[in-house]
Amino acid sequence: MRRDNVYYKEDFLSHRKVTKELAEKIDKKNYGYRPTDTSMTAEELVTHMLSSFHQFACMAAGQEPEKLHEGTEDVSLNELADRYTEASVKVIESMDEETLEQTVDLTEMMGTKLPAWRLLEIAIDHEINHKGNLFVYVRELGYNQLPMYVKM
């Protein structure tokens, strides 16, 4: 199967749409919620998911990740999700076949070098992992009507 930037964009968005739907359920008054003392807060978890994917995508594309928000900025998780999703889609769309095959040196961060397409897959897997955490947070906040884990 040939995988190109269209494939990766669609795969990313099939998960990000669910992440956004879950984040929309978190009221601002619950941004500080954490299921255990050692867990990230709901706000930290969602922000981590959004910013990490964007950072990985930029690294895969050979671009410097832009800062899309300040920690002190009063912005909703919905707005952050929109900002990061739009920016991440643009980065993925900018990647041609040659860029997807380029080797990305991640020896300092992950101890390896990978093709850019593999780094995109890792970024998607990272989102999937934390999306599972986010389902727990939202359920514990009292929501029973939750989306499927992926939207096509």
C-alpha atoms as a PDB file:
ATOM      1  CA  MET A   1       0.000   0.000   0.000  1.00  0.00           C
ATOM      2  CA  ARG A   2       1.348   3.399  -0.948  1.00  0.00           C
ATOM      3  CA  ARG A   3       1.264   5.911   1.866  1.00  0.00           C
ATOM      4  CA  ASP A   4       1.467   9.591   1.065  1.00  0.00           C
ATOM      5  CA  ASN A   5       0.610  12.847   2.779  1.00  0.00           C
ATOM      6  CA  VAL A   6      -3.102  12.336   1.957  1.00  0.00           C
ATOM      7  CA  TYR A   7      -3.043   8.977   3.763  1.00  0.00           C
ATOM      8  CA  TYR A   8      -1.294  10.416   6.817  1.00  0.00           C
ATOM      9  CA  LYS A   9      -3.577  13.450   6.944  1.00  0.00           C
ATOM     10  CA  GLU A  10      -6.692  11.270   6.845  1.00  0.00           C
ATOM     11  CA  ASP A  11      -5.290   8.853   9.430  1.00  0.00           C
ATOM     12  CA  PHE A  12      -4.350  11.730  11.713  1.00  0.00           C
ATOM     13  CA  LEU A  13      -7.751  13.413  11.353  1.00  0.00           C
ATOM     14  CA  SER A  14      -9.643  10.164  11.978  1.00  0.00           C
ATOM     15  CA  HIS A  15      -8.181  10.232  15.487  1.00  0.00           C
ATOM     16  CA  ARG A  16      -7.934  13.998  16.039  1.00  0.00           C
ATOM     17  CA  LYS A  17     -11.683  14.426  15.376  1.00  0.00           C
ATOM     18  CA  VAL A  18     -12.344  12.146  18.355  1.00  0.00           C
ATOM     19  CA  THR A  19      -9.738  13.929  20.494  1.00  0.00           C
ATOM     20  CA  LYS A  20     -11.473  17.232  19.718  1.00  0.00           C
ATOM     21  CA  GLU A  21     -14.902  15.795  20.512  1.00  0.00           C
ATOM     22  CA  LEU A  22     -13.674  14.523  23.870  1.00  0.00           C
ATOM     23  CA  ALA A  23     -11.927  17.827  24.682  1.00  0.00           C
ATOM     24  CA  GLU A  24     -15.154  19.719  23.928  1.00  0.00           C
ATOM     25  CA  LYS A  25     -16.841  17.830  26.765  1.00  0.00           C
ATOM     26  CA  ILE A  26     -14.405  19.189  29.353  1.00  0.00           C
ATOM     27  CA  ASP A  27     -15.802  22.334  30.973  1.00  0.00           C
ATOM     28  CA  LYS A  28     -13.287  24.984  31.921  1.00  0.00           C
ATOM     29  CA  LYS A  29     -14.112  24.341  35.608  1.00  0.00           C
ATOM     30  CA  ASN A  30     -12.794  20.777  35.094  1.00  0.00           C
ATOM     31  CA  TYR A  31      -9.515  21.660  33.392  1.00  0.00           C
ATOM     32  CA  GLY A  32      -7.722  20.883  36.661  1.00  0.00           C
ATOM     33  CA  TYR A  33      -9.296  17.438  36.999  1.00  0.00           C
ATOM     34  CA  ARG A  34      -6.912  14.518  37.310  1.00  0.00           C
ATOM     35  CA  PRO A  35      -7.965  10.910  37.978  1.00  0.00           C
ATOM     36  CA  THR A  36      -4.978  10.252  40.258  1.00  0.00           C
ATOM     37  CA  ASP A  37      -2.475  12.404  42.098  1.00  0.00           C
ATOM     38  CA  THR A  38       0.233  11.460  39.603  1.00  0.00           C
ATOM     39  CA  SER A  39      -1.864  12.076  36.466  1.00  0.00           C
ATOM     40  CA  MET A  40      -1.697  15.135  34.262  1.00  0.00           C
ATOM     41  CA  THR A  41      -4.638  17.485  34.618  1.00  0.00           C
ATOM     42  CA  ALA A  42      -7.241  17.327  31.851  1.00  0.00           C
ATOM     43  CA  GLU A  43      -5.862  20.575  30.448  1.00  0.00           C
ATOM     44  CA  GLU A  44      -2.266  19.315  30.572  1.00  0.00           C
ATOM     45  CA  LEU A  45      -3.209  16.046  28.878  1.00  0.00           C
ATOM     46  CA  VAL A  46      -5.072  17.678  25.991  1.00  0.00           C
ATOM     47  CA  THR A  47      -2.387  20.346  25.548  1.00  0.00           C
ATOM     48  CA  HIS A  48       0.299  17.640  25.582  1.00  0.00           C
ATOM     49  CA  MET A  49      -1.534  15.659  22.907  1.00  0.00           C
ATOM     50  CA  LEU A  50      -2.035  18.665  20.653  1.00  0.00           C
ATOM     51  CA  SER A  51       1.436  20.151  20.977  1.00  0.00           C
ATOM     52  CA  SER A  52       3.299  16.821  20.817  1.00  0.00           C
ATOM     53  CA  PHE A  53       1.690  15.779  17.563  1.00  0.00           C
ATOM     54  CA  HIS A  54       2.461  19.154  16.050  1.00  0.00           C
ATOM     55  CA  GLN A  55       6.072  18.973  17.221  1.00  0.00           C
ATOM     56  CA  PHE A  56       6.539  15.455  15.802  1.00  0.00           C
ATOM     57  CA  ALA A  57       4.935  16.437  12.483  1.00  0.00           C
ATOM     58  CA  CYS A  58       7.184  19.495  12.183  1.00  0.00           C
ATOM     59  CA  MET A  59      10.262  17.394  12.947  1.00  0.00           C
ATOM     60  CA  ALA A  60       9.188  14.883  10.277  1.00  0.00           C
ATOM     61  CA  ALA A  61       8.771  17.716   7.760  1.00  0.00           C
ATOM     62  CA  GLY A  62      12.138  19.267   8.646  1.00  0.00           C
ATOM     63  CA  GLN A  63      10.431  22.372  10.014  1.00  0.00           C
ATOM     64  CA  GLU A  64      10.842  24.241  13.269  1.00  0.00           C
ATOM     65  CA  PRO A  65       7.657  23.817  15.353  1.00  0.00           C
ATOM     66  CA  GLU A  66       5.898  27.107  15.878  1.00  0.00           C
ATOM     67  CA  LYS A  67       4.565  28.079  19.290  1.00  0.00           C
ATOM     68  CA  LEU A  68       0.795  28.194  18.919  1.00  0.00           C
ATOM     69  CA  HIS A  69      -0.022  29.267  22.466  1.00  0.00           C
ATOM     70  CA  GLU A  70       1.489  30.591  25.659  1.00  0.00           C
ATOM     71  CA  GLY A  71       0.994  28.735  28.925  1.00  0.00           C
ATOM     72  CA  THR A  72      -0.584  31.801  30.514  1.00  0.00           C
ATOM     73  CA  GLU A  73      -2.959  32.458  27.601  1.00  0.00           C
ATOM     74  CA  ASP A  74      -6.639  32.111  28.535  1.00  0.00           C
ATOM     75  CA  VAL A  75      -7.851  29.954  25.677  1.00  0.00           C
ATOM     76  CA  SER A  76     -10.276  27.047  25.625  1.00  0.00           C
ATOM     77  CA  LEU A  77      -9.169  23.525  24.828  1.00  0.00           C
ATOM     78  CA  ASN A  78     -11.496  23.679  21.819  1.00  0.00           C
ATOM     79  CA  GLU A  79      -9.660  26.699  20.439  1.00  0.00           C
ATOM     80  CA  LEU A  80      -6.287  25.078  21.076  1.00  0.00           C
ATOM     81  CA  ALA A  81      -7.463  21.931  19.308  1.00  0.00           C
ATOM     82  CA  ASP A  82      -8.555  23.971  16.304  1.00  0.00           C
ATOM     83  CA  ARG A  83      -5.236  25.866  16.175  1.00  0.00           C
ATOM     84  CA  TYR A  84      -3.047  22.809  16.477  1.00  0.00           C
ATOM     85  CA  THR A  85      -5.136  20.677  14.141  1.00  0.00           C
ATOM     86  CA  GLU A  86      -5.116  23.305  11.390  1.00  0.00           C
ATOM     87  CA  ALA A  87      -1.370  23.860  11.739  1.00  0.00           C
ATOM     88  CA  SER A  88      -0.606  20.121  11.842  1.00  0.00           C
ATOM     89  CA  VAL A  89      -2.693  19.459   8.734  1.00  0.00           C
ATOM     90  CA  LYS A  90      -0.748  22.156   6.879  1.00  0.00           C
ATOM     91  CA  VAL A  91       2.532  20.545   7.901  1.00  0.00           C
ATOM     92  CA  ILE A  92       1.413  17.092   6.750  1.00  0.00           C
ATOM     93  CA  GLU A  93       0.126  18.519   3.462  1.00  0.00           C
ATOM     94  CA  SER A  94       3.521  20.133   2.873  1.00  0.00           C
ATOM     95  CA  MET A  95       5.263  16.762   2.918  1.00  0.00           C
ATOM     96  CA  ASP A  96       5.887  15.271  -0.514  1.00  0.00           C
ATOM     97  CA  GLU A  97       7.095  11.734  -1.209  1.00  0.00           C
ATOM     98  CA  GLU A  98      10.733  12.778  -0.968  1.00  0.00           C
ATOM     99  CA  THR A  99      10.188  14.467   2.405  1.00  0.00           C
ATOM    100  CA  LEU A 100       8.367  11.394   3.756  1.00  0.00           C
ATOM    101  CA  GLU A 101      11.400   9.253   2.892  1.00  0.00           C
ATOM    102  CA  GLN A 102      14.001  11.576   4.459  1.00  0.00           C
ATOM    103  CA  THR A 103      15.765  10.342   7.567  1.00  0.00           C
ATOM    104  CA  VAL A 104      15.068  12.276  10.746  1.00  0.00           C
ATOM    105  CA  ASP A 105      17.820  12.166  13.374  1.00  0.00           C
ATOM    106  CA  LEU A 106      16.167  11.484  16.721  1.00  0.00           C
ATOM    107  CA  THR A 107      19.203  10.048  18.476  1.00  0.00           C
ATOM    108  CA  GLU A 108      19.025  12.588  21.298  1.00  0.00           C
ATOM    109  CA  MET A 109      15.291  12.165  21.875  1.00  0.00           C
ATOM    110  CA  MET A 110      14.645   8.515  21.010  1.00  0.00           C
ATOM    111  CA  GLY A 111      18.073   7.025  20.387  1.00  0.00           C
ATOM    112  CA  THR A 112      17.454   6.353  16.707  1.00  0.00           C
ATOM    113  CA  LYS A 113      17.124   7.721  13.197  1.00  0.00           C
ATOM    114  CA  LEU A 114      13.833   7.159  11.383  1.00  0.00           C
ATOM    115  CA  PRO A 115      12.248   7.944   8.042  1.00  0.00           C
ATOM    116  CA  ALA A 116       9.842  10.879   8.314  1.00  0.00           C
ATOM    117  CA  TRP A 117       6.826   8.679   7.488  1.00  0.00           C
ATOM    118  CA  ARG A 118       7.640   6.489  10.507  1.00  0.00           C
ATOM    119  CA  LEU A 119       7.823   9.522  12.770  1.00  0.00           C
ATOM    120  CA  LEU A 120       4.330  10.521  11.589  1.00  0.00           C
ATOM    121  CA  GLU A 121       3.105   7.034  12.468  1.00  0.00           C
ATOM    122  CA  ILE A 122       4.671   7.323  15.929  1.00  0.00           C
ATOM    123  CA  ALA A 123       2.983  10.716  16.382  1.00  0.00           C
ATOM    124  CA  ILE A 124      -0.382   9.183  15.488  1.00  0.00           C
ATOM    125  CA  ASP A 125       0.255   6.257  17.854  1.00  0.00           C
ATOM    126  CA  HIS A 126       1.124   8.743  20.604  1.00  0.00           C
ATOM    127  CA  GLU A 127      -2.202  10.505  20.067  1.00  0.00           C
ATOM    128  CA  ILE A 128      -4.055   7.180  20.119  1.00  0.00           C
ATOM    129  CA  ASN A 129      -2.376   6.216  23.397  1.00  0.00           C
ATOM    130  CA  HIS A 130      -3.306   9.450  25.139  1.00  0.00           C
ATOM    131  CA  LYS A 131      -6.775   9.482  23.573  1.00  0.00           C
ATOM    132  CA  GLY A 132      -7.393   6.310  25.596  1.00  0.00           C
ATOM    133  CA  ASN A 133      -6.440   8.261  28.714  1.00  0.00           C
ATOM    134  CA  LEU A 134      -8.752  11.076  27.668  1.00  0.00           C
ATOM    135  CA  PHE A 135     -11.693   8.679  27.356  1.00  0.00           C
ATOM    136  CA  VAL A 136     -11.147   7.746  31.026  1.00  0.00           C
ATOM    137  CA  TYR A 137     -11.029  11.397  32.106  1.00  0.00           C
ATOM    138  CA  VAL A 138     -14.223  12.272  30.257  1.00  0.00           C
ATOM    139  CA  ARG A 139     -16.065   9.209  31.539  1.00  0.00           C
ATOM    140  CA  GLU A 140     -14.995  10.015  35.096  1.00  0.00           C
ATOM    141  CA  LEU A 141     -16.319  13.549  34.587  1.00  0.00           C
ATOM    142  CA  GLY A 142     -19.738  11.933  34.150  1.00  0.00           C
ATOM    143  CA  TYR A 143     -20.141  11.528  30.386  1.00  0.00           C
ATOM    144  CA  ASN A 144     -21.653   8.264  29.193  1.00  0.00           C
ATOM    145  CA  GLN A 145     -22.370   9.131  25.555  1.00  0.00           C
ATOM    146  CA  LEU A 146     -18.917   8.994  24.034  1.00  0.00           C
ATOM    147  CA  PRO A 147     -17.753   8.772  20.416  1.00  0.00           C
ATOM    148  CA  MET A 148     -16.227   5.726  18.794  1.00  0.00           C
ATOM    149  CA  TYR A 149     -12.437   5.683  19.035  1.00  0.00           C
ATOM    150  CA  VAL A 150     -12.065   6.775  15.394  1.00  0.00           C
ATOM    151  CA  LYS A 151     -14.093   8.843  12.892  1.00  0.00           C
ATOM    152  CA  MET A 152     -13.752   8.178   9.209  1.00  0.00           C
END
